[in-house]
Amino acid sequence: LGMAIPQLIGILLSQVLVNQIRDQIKLQLYNQQHRAD
């Protein structure tokens, strides 16, 4: 279990960060599209 927990933590953190980065990219695209309005 001690060997598995760090691996699961790494998988969880990386997936959370990936989702956050994707949301940030969508936000930047949204801002760029509406900047000229």
Full PDB file with SEQRES, HELIX, SHEET, SSBOND, CRYST1, ORIGX, SCALE, CONECT and MASTER records, all heavy atoms in Angstrom:
SEQRES   1 A   37  LEU GLY MET ALA ILE PRO GLN LEU ILE GLY ILE LEU LEU          
SEQRES   2 A   37  SER GLN VAL LEU VAL ASN GLN ILE ARG ASP GLN ILE LYS          
SEQRES   3 A   37  LEU GLN LEU TYR ASN GLN GLN HIS ARG ALA ASP                  
HELIX    1 AA1 ALA A    4  HIS A   34  1                                  31    
CRYST1    1.000    1.000    1.000  90.00  90.00  90.00 P 1           1          
ORIGX1      1.000000  0.000000  0.000000        0.00000                         
ORIGX2      0.000000  1.000000  0.000000        0.00000                         
ORIGX3      0.000000  0.000000  1.000000        0.00000                         
SCALE1      1.000000  0.000000  0.000000        0.00000                         
SCALE2      0.000000  1.000000  0.000000        0.00000                         
SCALE3      0.000000  0.000000  1.000000        0.00000                         
ATOM      1  N   LEU A   1       0.827  -1.204   0.000  1.00  0.00           N  
ATOM      2  CA  LEU A   1       0.000   0.000   0.000  1.00  0.00           C  
ATOM      3  C   LEU A   1       0.863   1.257   0.000  1.00  0.00           C  
ATOM      4  O   LEU A   1       0.548   2.248  -0.679  1.00  0.00           O  
ATOM      5  CB  LEU A   1      -0.918  -0.009   1.220  1.00  0.00           C  
ATOM      6  CG  LEU A   1      -1.955   1.114   1.317  1.00  0.00           C  
ATOM      7  CD1 LEU A   1      -2.929   1.033   0.136  1.00  0.00           C  
ATOM      8  CD2 LEU A   1      -2.711   1.027   2.633  1.00  0.00           C  
ATOM      9  N   GLY A   2       1.976   1.194   0.737  1.00  0.00           N  
ATOM     10  CA  GLY A   2       2.889   2.328   0.763  1.00  0.00           C  
ATOM     11  C   GLY A   2       3.524   2.595  -0.593  1.00  0.00           C  
ATOM     12  O   GLY A   2       3.848   3.736  -0.926  1.00  0.00           O  
ATOM     13  N   MET A   3       3.706   1.537  -1.395  1.00  0.00           N  
ATOM     14  CA  MET A   3       4.227   1.718  -2.748  1.00  0.00           C  
ATOM     15  C   MET A   3       3.147   2.219  -3.705  1.00  0.00           C  
ATOM     16  O   MET A   3       3.441   2.947  -4.657  1.00  0.00           O  
ATOM     17  CB  MET A   3       4.800   0.398  -3.263  1.00  0.00           C  
ATOM     18  CG  MET A   3       6.024  -0.093  -2.521  1.00  0.00           C  
ATOM     19  SD  MET A   3       6.572  -1.710  -3.109  1.00  0.00           S  
ATOM     20  CE  MET A   3       6.919  -1.359  -4.821  1.00  0.00           C  
ATOM     21  N   ALA A   4       1.904   1.825  -3.457  1.00  0.00           N  
ATOM     22  CA  ALA A   4       0.815   2.181  -4.372  1.00  0.00           C  
ATOM     23  C   ALA A   4       0.336   3.608  -4.152  1.00  0.00           C  
ATOM     24  O   ALA A   4      -0.031   4.293  -5.117  1.00  0.00           O  
ATOM     25  CB  ALA A   4      -0.348   1.204  -4.200  1.00  0.00           C  
ATOM     26  N   ILE A   5       0.329   4.070  -2.892  1.00  0.00           N  
ATOM     27  CA  ILE A   5      -0.217   5.399  -2.590  1.00  0.00           C  
ATOM     28  C   ILE A   5       0.507   6.523  -3.334  1.00  0.00           C  
ATOM     29  O   ILE A   5      -0.152   7.383  -3.936  1.00  0.00           O  
ATOM     30  CB  ILE A   5      -0.216   5.636  -1.063  1.00  0.00           C  
ATOM     31  CG1 ILE A   5      -1.321   4.802  -0.400  1.00  0.00           C  
ATOM     32  CG2 ILE A   5      -0.410   7.111  -0.746  1.00  0.00           C  
ATOM     33  CD1 ILE A   5      -1.385   4.939   1.103  1.00  0.00           C  
ATOM     34  N   PRO A   6       1.870   6.568  -3.337  1.00  0.00           N  
ATOM     35  CA  PRO A   6       2.526   7.631  -4.106  1.00  0.00           C  
ATOM     36  C   PRO A   6       2.177   7.598  -5.590  1.00  0.00           C  
ATOM     37  O   PRO A   6       2.039   8.661  -6.222  1.00  0.00           O  
ATOM     38  CB  PRO A   6       4.024   7.356  -3.879  1.00  0.00           C  
ATOM     39  CG  PRO A   6       4.079   6.603  -2.600  1.00  0.00           C  
ATOM     40  CD  PRO A   6       2.848   5.758  -2.589  1.00  0.00           C  
ATOM     41  N   GLN A   7       2.034   6.401  -6.157  1.00  0.00           N  
ATOM     42  CA  GLN A   7       1.668   6.298  -7.563  1.00  0.00           C  
ATOM     43  C   GLN A   7       0.266   6.849  -7.800  1.00  0.00           C  
ATOM     44  O   GLN A   7       0.036   7.599  -8.765  1.00  0.00           O  
ATOM     45  CB  GLN A   7       1.757   4.848  -8.018  1.00  0.00           C  
ATOM     46  CG  GLN A   7       3.145   4.255  -7.905  1.00  0.00           C  
ATOM     47  CD  GLN A   7       3.176   2.772  -8.236  1.00  0.00           C  
ATOM     48  OE1 GLN A   7       2.395   2.288  -9.037  1.00  0.00           O  
ATOM     49  NE2 GLN A   7       4.083   2.048  -7.619  1.00  0.00           N  
ATOM     50  N   LEU A   8      -0.674   6.485  -6.937  1.00  0.00           N  
ATOM     51  CA  LEU A   8      -2.048   6.982  -7.087  1.00  0.00           C  
ATOM     52  C   LEU A   8      -2.121   8.488  -6.878  1.00  0.00           C  
ATOM     53  O   LEU A   8      -2.877   9.182  -7.578  1.00  0.00           O  
ATOM     54  CB  LEU A   8      -2.959   6.253  -6.091  1.00  0.00           C  
ATOM     55  CG  LEU A   8      -3.129   4.747  -6.321  1.00  0.00           C  
ATOM     56  CD1 LEU A   8      -3.971   4.130  -5.207  1.00  0.00           C  
ATOM     57  CD2 LEU A   8      -3.762   4.471  -7.675  1.00  0.00           C  
ATOM     58  N   ILE A   9      -1.327   9.003  -5.929  1.00  0.00           N  
ATOM     59  CA  ILE A   9      -1.297  10.454  -5.708  1.00  0.00           C  
ATOM     60  C   ILE A   9      -0.768  11.164  -6.953  1.00  0.00           C  
ATOM     61  O   ILE A   9      -1.311  12.191  -7.385  1.00  0.00           O  
ATOM     62  CB  ILE A   9      -0.446  10.795  -4.475  1.00  0.00           C  
ATOM     63  CG1 ILE A   9      -1.143  10.318  -3.192  1.00  0.00           C  
ATOM     64  CG2 ILE A   9      -0.173  12.291  -4.399  1.00  0.00           C  
ATOM     65  CD1 ILE A   9      -0.333  10.535  -1.944  1.00  0.00           C  
ATOM     66  N   GLY A  10       0.298  10.616  -7.539  1.00  0.00           N  
ATOM     67  CA  GLY A  10       0.852  11.208  -8.748  1.00  0.00           C  
ATOM     68  C   GLY A  10      -0.134  11.202  -9.897  1.00  0.00           C  
ATOM     69  O   GLY A  10      -0.264  12.198 -10.633  1.00  0.00           O  
ATOM     70  N   ILE A  11      -0.850  10.073 -10.075  1.00  0.00           N  
ATOM     71  CA  ILE A  11      -1.861   9.991 -11.139  1.00  0.00           C  
ATOM     72  C   ILE A  11      -2.970  11.007 -10.903  1.00  0.00           C  
ATOM     73  O   ILE A  11      -3.402  11.720 -11.820  1.00  0.00           O  
ATOM     74  CB  ILE A  11      -2.433   8.564 -11.218  1.00  0.00           C  
ATOM     75  CG1 ILE A  11      -1.351   7.564 -11.631  1.00  0.00           C  
ATOM     76  CG2 ILE A  11      -3.607   8.491 -12.196  1.00  0.00           C  
ATOM     77  CD1 ILE A  11      -1.777   6.115 -11.525  1.00  0.00           C  
ATOM     78  N   LEU A  12      -3.453  11.102  -9.653  1.00  0.00           N  
ATOM     79  CA  LEU A  12      -4.551  12.026  -9.323  1.00  0.00           C  
ATOM     80  C   LEU A  12      -4.141  13.474  -9.541  1.00  0.00           C  
ATOM     81  O   LEU A  12      -4.873  14.251 -10.185  1.00  0.00           O  
ATOM     82  CB  LEU A  12      -4.982  11.791  -7.874  1.00  0.00           C  
ATOM     83  CG  LEU A  12      -6.073  12.718  -7.334  1.00  0.00           C  
ATOM     84  CD1 LEU A  12      -7.359  12.528  -8.124  1.00  0.00           C  
ATOM     85  CD2 LEU A  12      -6.307  12.473  -5.849  1.00  0.00           C  
ATOM     86  N   LEU A  13      -2.978  13.868  -9.023  1.00  0.00           N  
ATOM     87  CA  LEU A  13      -2.531  15.251  -9.165  1.00  0.00           C  
ATOM     88  C   LEU A  13      -2.314  15.629 -10.632  1.00  0.00           C  
ATOM     89  O   LEU A  13      -2.671  16.743 -11.051  1.00  0.00           O  
ATOM     90  CB  LEU A  13      -1.235  15.461  -8.372  1.00  0.00           C  
ATOM     91  CG  LEU A  13      -1.349  15.465  -6.848  1.00  0.00           C  
ATOM     92  CD1 LEU A  13       0.021  15.619  -6.208  1.00  0.00           C  
ATOM     93  CD2 LEU A  13      -2.273  16.582  -6.373  1.00  0.00           C  
ATOM     94  N   SER A  14      -1.732  14.718 -11.400  1.00  0.00           N  
ATOM     95  CA  SER A  14      -1.475  15.027 -12.808  1.00  0.00           C  
ATOM     96  C   SER A  14      -2.777  15.197 -13.582  1.00  0.00           C  
ATOM     97  O   SER A  14      -2.897  16.109 -14.417  1.00  0.00           O  
ATOM     98  CB  SER A  14      -0.627  13.923 -13.448  1.00  0.00           C  
ATOM     99  OG  SER A  14      -1.290  12.667 -13.409  1.00  0.00           O  
ATOM    100  N   GLN A  15      -3.776  14.359 -13.303  1.00  0.00           N  
ATOM    101  CA  GLN A  15      -5.044  14.487 -14.007  1.00  0.00           C  
ATOM    102  C   GLN A  15      -5.793  15.755 -13.596  1.00  0.00           C  
ATOM    103  O   GLN A  15      -6.427  16.411 -14.427  1.00  0.00           O  
ATOM    104  CB  GLN A  15      -5.913  13.255 -13.740  1.00  0.00           C  
ATOM    105  CG  GLN A  15      -5.425  11.989 -14.443  1.00  0.00           C  
ATOM    106  CD  GLN A  15      -5.314  12.179 -15.938  1.00  0.00           C  
ATOM    107  OE1 GLN A  15      -6.227  12.657 -16.591  1.00  0.00           O  
ATOM    108  NE2 GLN A  15      -4.166  11.794 -16.486  1.00  0.00           N  
ATOM    109  N   VAL A  16      -5.719  16.106 -12.318  1.00  0.00           N  
ATOM    110  CA  VAL A  16      -6.341  17.358 -11.864  1.00  0.00           C  
ATOM    111  C   VAL A  16      -5.691  18.546 -12.555  1.00  0.00           C  
ATOM    112  O   VAL A  16      -6.376  19.469 -13.034  1.00  0.00           O  
ATOM    113  CB  VAL A  16      -6.225  17.484 -10.331  1.00  0.00           C  
ATOM    114  CG1 VAL A  16      -6.622  18.883  -9.877  1.00  0.00           C  
ATOM    115  CG2 VAL A  16      -7.101  16.448  -9.638  1.00  0.00           C  
ATOM    116  N   LEU A  17      -4.347  18.530 -12.618  1.00  0.00           N  
ATOM    117  CA  LEU A  17      -3.636  19.637 -13.256  1.00  0.00           C  
ATOM    118  C   LEU A  17      -3.935  19.712 -14.752  1.00  0.00           C  
ATOM    119  O   LEU A  17      -4.086  20.808 -15.313  1.00  0.00           O  
ATOM    120  CB  LEU A  17      -2.131  19.495 -13.012  1.00  0.00           C  
ATOM    121  CG  LEU A  17      -1.258  20.651 -13.492  1.00  0.00           C  
ATOM    122  CD1 LEU A  17      -1.695  21.959 -12.849  1.00  0.00           C  
ATOM    123  CD2 LEU A  17       0.212  20.381 -13.174  1.00  0.00           C  
ATOM    124  N   VAL A  18      -4.025  18.567 -15.416  1.00  0.00           N  
ATOM    125  CA  VAL A  18      -4.348  18.544 -16.846  1.00  0.00           C  
ATOM    126  C   VAL A  18      -5.725  19.166 -17.088  1.00  0.00           C  
ATOM    127  O   VAL A  18      -5.910  19.978 -18.010  1.00  0.00           O  
ATOM    128  CB  VAL A  18      -4.299  17.101 -17.397  1.00  0.00           C  
ATOM    129  CG1 VAL A  18      -4.984  17.009 -18.759  1.00  0.00           C  
ATOM    130  CG2 VAL A  18      -2.869  16.623 -17.507  1.00  0.00           C  
ATOM    131  N   ASN A  19      -6.701  18.801 -16.273  1.00  0.00           N  
ATOM    132  CA  ASN A  19      -8.047  19.378 -16.424  1.00  0.00           C  
ATOM    133  C   ASN A  19      -8.044  20.878 -16.173  1.00  0.00           C  
ATOM    134  O   ASN A  19      -8.741  21.638 -16.858  1.00  0.00           O  
ATOM    135  CB  ASN A  19      -9.020  18.686 -15.475  1.00  0.00           C  
ATOM    136  CG  ASN A  19      -9.290  17.245 -15.866  1.00  0.00           C  
ATOM    137  OD1 ASN A  19      -9.217  16.885 -17.043  1.00  0.00           O  
ATOM    138  ND2 ASN A  19      -9.598  16.403 -14.887  1.00  0.00           N  
ATOM    139  N   GLN A  20      -7.268  21.325 -15.187  1.00  0.00           N  
ATOM    140  CA  GLN A  20      -7.174  22.756 -14.911  1.00  0.00           C  
ATOM    141  C   GLN A  20      -6.523  23.505 -16.077  1.00  0.00           C  
ATOM    142  O   GLN A  20      -6.960  24.611 -16.438  1.00  0.00           O  
ATOM    143  CB  GLN A  20      -6.386  22.998 -13.623  1.00  0.00           C  
ATOM    144  CG  GLN A  20      -7.100  22.536 -12.368  1.00  0.00           C  
ATOM    145  CD  GLN A  20      -6.275  22.759 -11.115  1.00  0.00           C  
ATOM    146  OE1 GLN A  20      -5.086  23.070 -11.182  1.00  0.00           O  
ATOM    147  NE2 GLN A  20      -6.908  22.599  -9.953  1.00  0.00           N  
ATOM    148  N   ILE A  21      -5.489  22.917 -16.666  1.00  0.00           N  
ATOM    149  CA  ILE A  21      -4.818  23.554 -17.804  1.00  0.00           C  
ATOM    150  C   ILE A  21      -5.767  23.649 -18.992  1.00  0.00           C  
ATOM    151  O   ILE A  21      -5.818  24.667 -19.698  1.00  0.00           O  
ATOM    152  CB  ILE A  21      -3.546  22.767 -18.182  1.00  0.00           C  
ATOM    153  CG1 ILE A  21      -2.511  22.852 -17.054  1.00  0.00           C  
ATOM    154  CG2 ILE A  21      -2.943  23.302 -19.473  1.00  0.00           C  
ATOM    155  CD1 ILE A  21      -1.304  21.957 -17.249  1.00  0.00           C  
ATOM    156  N   ARG A  22      -6.550  22.621 -19.246  1.00  0.00           N  
ATOM    157  CA  ARG A  22      -7.515  22.638 -20.346  1.00  0.00           C  
ATOM    158  C   ARG A  22      -8.581  23.714 -20.127  1.00  0.00           C  
ATOM    159  O   ARG A  22      -8.960  24.417 -21.064  1.00  0.00           O  
ATOM    160  CB  ARG A  22      -8.158  21.265 -20.497  1.00  0.00           C  
ATOM    161  CG  ARG A  22      -7.223  20.222 -21.126  1.00  0.00           C  
ATOM    162  CD  ARG A  22      -7.834  18.845 -21.125  1.00  0.00           C  
ATOM    163  NE  ARG A  22      -6.995  17.887 -21.836  1.00  0.00           N  
ATOM    164  CZ  ARG A  22      -7.149  16.573 -21.802  1.00  0.00           C  
ATOM    165  NH1 ARG A  22      -8.134  16.043 -21.071  1.00  0.00           N  
ATOM    166  NH2 ARG A  22      -6.346  15.783 -22.485  1.00  0.00           N  
ATOM    167  N   ASP A  23      -9.047  23.838 -18.882  1.00  0.00           N  
ATOM    168  CA  ASP A  23     -10.015  24.890 -18.577  1.00  0.00           C  
ATOM    169  C   ASP A  23      -9.405  26.269 -18.773  1.00  0.00           C  
ATOM    170  O   ASP A  23     -10.075  27.199 -19.260  1.00  0.00           O  
ATOM    171  CB  ASP A  23     -10.531  24.743 -17.146  1.00  0.00           C  
ATOM    172  CG  ASP A  23     -11.406  23.511 -16.962  1.00  0.00           C  
ATOM    173  OD1 ASP A  23     -11.953  23.029 -17.971  1.00  0.00           O  
ATOM    174  OD2 ASP A  23     -11.530  23.031 -15.813  1.00  0.00           O  
ATOM    175  N   GLN A  24      -8.129  26.409 -18.415  1.00  0.00           N  
ATOM    176  CA  GLN A  24      -7.451  27.690 -18.589  1.00  0.00           C  
ATOM    177  C   GLN A  24      -7.291  28.021 -20.071  1.00  0.00           C  
ATOM    178  O   GLN A  24      -7.451  29.195 -20.474  1.00  0.00           O  
ATOM    179  CB  GLN A  24      -6.076  27.650 -17.909  1.00  0.00           C  
ATOM    180  CG  GLN A  24      -5.292  28.939 -17.985  1.00  0.00           C  
ATOM    181  CD  GLN A  24      -5.974  30.073 -17.250  1.00  0.00           C  
ATOM    182  OE1 GLN A  24      -6.771  29.845 -16.347  1.00  0.00           O  
ATOM    183  NE2 GLN A  24      -5.666  31.312 -17.652  1.00  0.00           N  
ATOM    184  N   ILE A  25      -7.005  27.031 -20.892  1.00  0.00           N  
ATOM    185  CA  ILE A  25      -6.887  27.253 -22.339  1.00  0.00           C  
ATOM    186  C   ILE A  25      -8.235  27.705 -22.915  1.00  0.00           C  
ATOM    187  O   ILE A  25      -8.297  28.625 -23.749  1.00  0.00           O  
ATOM    188  CB  ILE A  25      -6.391  25.976 -23.036  1.00  0.00           C  
ATOM    189  CG1 ILE A  25      -4.944  25.680 -22.626  1.00  0.00           C  
ATOM    190  CG2 ILE A  25      -6.482  26.110 -24.550  1.00  0.00           C  
ATOM    191  CD1 ILE A  25      -4.412  24.359 -23.158  1.00  0.00           C  
ATOM    192  N   LYS A  26      -9.313  27.060 -22.476  1.00  0.00           N  
ATOM    193  CA  LYS A  26     -10.645  27.465 -22.940  1.00  0.00           C  
ATOM    194  C   LYS A  26     -10.957  28.901 -22.537  1.00  0.00           C  
ATOM    195  O   LYS A  26     -11.545  29.667 -23.320  1.00  0.00           O  
ATOM    196  CB  LYS A  26     -11.703  26.521 -22.366  1.00  0.00           C  
ATOM    197  CG  LYS A  26     -11.627  25.096 -22.903  1.00  0.00           C  
ATOM    198  CD  LYS A  26     -12.687  24.217 -22.249  1.00  0.00           C  
ATOM    199  CE  LYS A  26     -12.596  22.779 -22.753  1.00  0.00           C  
ATOM    200  NZ  LYS A  26     -13.598  21.912 -22.078  1.00  0.00           N  
ATOM    201  N   LEU A  27     -10.557  29.273 -21.317  1.00  0.00           N  
ATOM    202  CA  LEU A  27     -10.786  30.639 -20.853  1.00  0.00           C  
ATOM    203  C   LEU A  27     -10.005  31.638 -21.689  1.00  0.00           C  
ATOM    204  O   LEU A  27     -10.522  32.711 -22.054  1.00  0.00           O  
ATOM    205  CB  LEU A  27     -10.407  30.754 -19.376  1.00  0.00           C  
ATOM    206  CG  LEU A  27     -10.520  32.146 -18.751  1.00  0.00           C  
ATOM    207  CD1 LEU A  27     -11.971  32.632 -18.782  1.00  0.00           C  
ATOM    208  CD2 LEU A  27      -9.989  32.143 -17.329  1.00  0.00           C  
ATOM    209  N   GLN A  28      -8.754  31.328 -22.017  1.00  0.00           N  
ATOM    210  CA  GLN A  28      -7.942  32.228 -22.822  1.00  0.00           C  
ATOM    211  C   GLN A  28      -8.521  32.391 -24.226  1.00  0.00           C  
ATOM    212  O   GLN A  28      -8.540  33.491 -24.779  1.00  0.00           O  
ATOM    213  CB  GLN A  28      -6.508  31.703 -22.891  1.00  0.00           C  
ATOM    214  CG  GLN A  28      -5.767  31.782 -21.569  1.00  0.00           C  
ATOM    215  CD  GLN A  28      -4.397  31.138 -21.622  1.00  0.00           C  
ATOM    216  OE1 GLN A  28      -4.046  30.470 -22.595  1.00  0.00           O  
ATOM    217  NE2 GLN A  28      -3.615  31.332 -20.569  1.00  0.00           N  
ATOM    218  N   LEU A  29      -8.999  31.294 -24.811  1.00  0.00           N  
ATOM    219  CA  LEU A  29      -9.624  31.378 -26.132  1.00  0.00           C  
ATOM    220  C   LEU A  29     -10.890  32.217 -26.080  1.00  0.00           C  
ATOM    221  O   LEU A  29     -11.172  33.009 -26.990  1.00  0.00           O  
ATOM    222  CB  LEU A  29      -9.936  29.968 -26.653  1.00  0.00           C  
ATOM    223  CG  LEU A  29      -8.724  29.085 -26.992  1.00  0.00           C  
ATOM    224  CD1 LEU A  29      -9.184  27.682 -27.380  1.00  0.00           C  
ATOM    225  CD2 LEU A  29      -7.914  29.710 -28.130  1.00  0.00           C  
ATOM    226  N   TYR A  30     -11.650  32.055 -25.024  1.00  0.00           N  
ATOM    227  CA  TYR A  30     -12.883  32.831 -24.859  1.00  0.00           C  
ATOM    228  C   TYR A  30     -12.561  34.323 -24.759  1.00  0.00           C  
ATOM    229  O   TYR A  30     -13.222  35.163 -25.381  1.00  0.00           O  
ATOM    230  CB  TYR A  30     -13.624  32.351 -23.616  1.00  0.00           C  
ATOM    231  CG  TYR A  30     -14.884  33.115 -23.316  1.00  0.00           C  
ATOM    232  CD1 TYR A  30     -16.089  32.807 -23.953  1.00  0.00           C  
ATOM    233  CD2 TYR A  30     -14.871  34.167 -22.396  1.00  0.00           C  
ATOM    234  CE1 TYR A  30     -17.245  33.519 -23.672  1.00  0.00           C  
ATOM    235  CE2 TYR A  30     -16.016  34.881 -22.109  1.00  0.00           C  
ATOM    236  CZ  TYR A  30     -17.210  34.551 -22.756  1.00  0.00           C  
ATOM    237  OH  TYR A  30     -18.347  35.254 -22.483  1.00  0.00           O  
ATOM    238  N   ASN A  31     -11.532  34.665 -23.984  1.00  0.00           N  
ATOM    239  CA  ASN A  31     -11.153  36.066 -23.821  1.00  0.00           C  
ATOM    240  C   ASN A  31     -10.653  36.663 -25.134  1.00  0.00           C  
ATOM    241  O   ASN A  31     -10.933  37.819 -25.454  1.00  0.00           O  
ATOM    242  CB  ASN A  31     -10.084  36.212 -22.742  1.00  0.00           C  
ATOM    243  CG  ASN A  31     -10.641  35.981 -21.340  1.00  0.00           C  
ATOM    244  OD1 ASN A  31     -11.838  36.155 -21.113  1.00  0.00           O  
ATOM    245  ND2 ASN A  31      -9.782  35.588 -20.413  1.00  0.00           N  
ATOM    246  N   GLN A  32      -9.893  35.867 -25.893  1.00  0.00           N  
ATOM    247  CA  GLN A  32      -9.386  36.356 -27.168  1.00  0.00           C  
ATOM    248  C   GLN A  32     -10.517  36.621 -28.162  1.00  0.00           C  
ATOM    249  O   GLN A  32     -10.476  37.577 -28.926  1.00  0.00           O  
ATOM    250  CB  GLN A  32      -8.396  35.342 -27.758  1.00  0.00           C  
ATOM    251  CG  GLN A  32      -7.078  35.258 -27.001  1.00  0.00           C  
ATOM    252  CD  GLN A  32      -6.171  34.168 -27.545  1.00  0.00           C  
ATOM    253  OE1 GLN A  32      -6.508  33.481 -28.507  1.00  0.00           O  
ATOM    254  NE2 GLN A  32      -5.012  34.015 -26.923  1.00  0.00           N  
ATOM    255  N   GLN A  33     -11.532  35.761 -28.154  1.00  0.00           N  
ATOM    256  CA  GLN A  33     -12.651  35.920 -29.078  1.00  0.00           C  
ATOM    257  C   GLN A  33     -13.490  37.143 -28.759  1.00  0.00           C  
ATOM    258  O   GLN A  33     -14.091  37.761 -29.644  1.00  0.00           O  
ATOM    259  CB  GLN A  33     -13.522  34.672 -29.066  1.00  0.00           C  
ATOM    260  CG  GLN A  33     -12.849  33.445 -29.661  1.00  0.00           C  
ATOM    261  CD  GLN A  33     -13.677  32.185 -29.476  1.00  0.00           C  
ATOM    262  OE1 GLN A  33     -14.743  32.223 -28.868  1.00  0.00           O  
ATOM    263  NE2 GLN A  33     -13.186  31.069 -29.990  1.00  0.00           N  
ATOM    264  N   HIS A  34     -13.567  37.520 -27.485  1.00  0.00           N  
ATOM    265  CA  HIS A  34     -14.419  38.627 -27.072  1.00  0.00           C  
ATOM    266  C   HIS A  34     -13.629  39.896 -26.776  1.00  0.00           C  
ATOM    267  O   HIS A  34     -14.213  40.889 -26.352  1.00  0.00           O  
ATOM    268  CB  HIS A  34     -15.224  38.241 -25.821  1.00  0.00           C  
ATOM    269  CG  HIS A  34     -16.220  37.150 -26.069  1.00  0.00           C  
ATOM    270  ND1 HIS A  34     -15.850  35.832 -26.157  1.00  0.00           N  
ATOM    271  CD2 HIS A  34     -17.572  37.195 -26.262  1.00  0.00           C  
ATOM    272  CE1 HIS A  34     -16.934  35.093 -26.375  1.00  0.00           C  
ATOM    273  NE2 HIS A  34     -17.994  35.889 -26.449  1.00  0.00           N  
ATOM    274  N   ARG A  35     -12.313  39.858 -26.999  1.00  0.00           N  
ATOM    275  CA  ARG A  35     -11.507  41.042 -26.689  1.00  0.00           C  
ATOM    276  C   ARG A  35     -11.879  42.226 -27.597  1.00  0.00           C  
ATOM    277  O   ARG A  35     -11.850  43.387 -27.191  1.00  0.00           O  
ATOM    278  CB  ARG A  35     -10.018  40.723 -26.837  1.00  0.00           C  
ATOM    279  CG  ARG A  35      -9.103  41.752 -26.214  1.00  0.00           C  
ATOM    280  CD  ARG A  35      -7.646  41.397 -26.452  1.00  0.00           C  
ATOM    281  NE  ARG A  35      -7.358  40.087 -25.903  1.00  0.00           N  
ATOM    282  CZ  ARG A  35      -6.970  39.871 -24.645  1.00  0.00           C  
ATOM    283  NH1 ARG A  35      -6.894  40.908 -23.808  1.00  0.00           N  
ATOM    284  NH2 ARG A  35      -6.704  38.665 -24.209  1.00  0.00           N  
ATOM    285  N   ALA A  36     -12.234  41.931 -28.879  1.00  0.00           N  
ATOM    286  CA  ALA A  36     -12.552  42.998 -29.827  1.00  0.00           C  
ATOM    287  C   ALA A  36     -13.985  43.499 -29.706  1.00  0.00           C  
ATOM    288  O   ALA A  36     -14.376  44.457 -30.383  1.00  0.00           O  
ATOM    289  CB  ALA A  36     -12.297  42.506 -31.270  1.00  0.00           C  
ATOM    290  N   ASP A  37     -14.802  42.884 -28.874  1.00  0.00           N  
ATOM    291  CA  ASP A  37     -16.200  43.284 -28.736  1.00  0.00           C  
ATOM    292  C   ASP A  37     -16.252  44.577 -27.910  1.00  0.00           C  
ATOM    293  O   ASP A  37     -15.888  44.598 -26.737  1.00  0.00           O  
ATOM    294  CB  ASP A  37     -16.970  42.161 -28.030  1.00  0.00           C  
ATOM    295  CG  ASP A  37     -18.475  42.458 -27.994  1.00  0.00           C  
ATOM    296  OD1 ASP A  37     -18.883  43.555 -28.459  1.00  0.00           O  
ATOM    297  OD2 ASP A  37     -19.228  41.593 -27.509  1.00  0.00           O  
TER     298      ASP A  37                                                      
MASTER        0    0    0    1    0    0    0    6  297    1    0    3          
END                                                                             
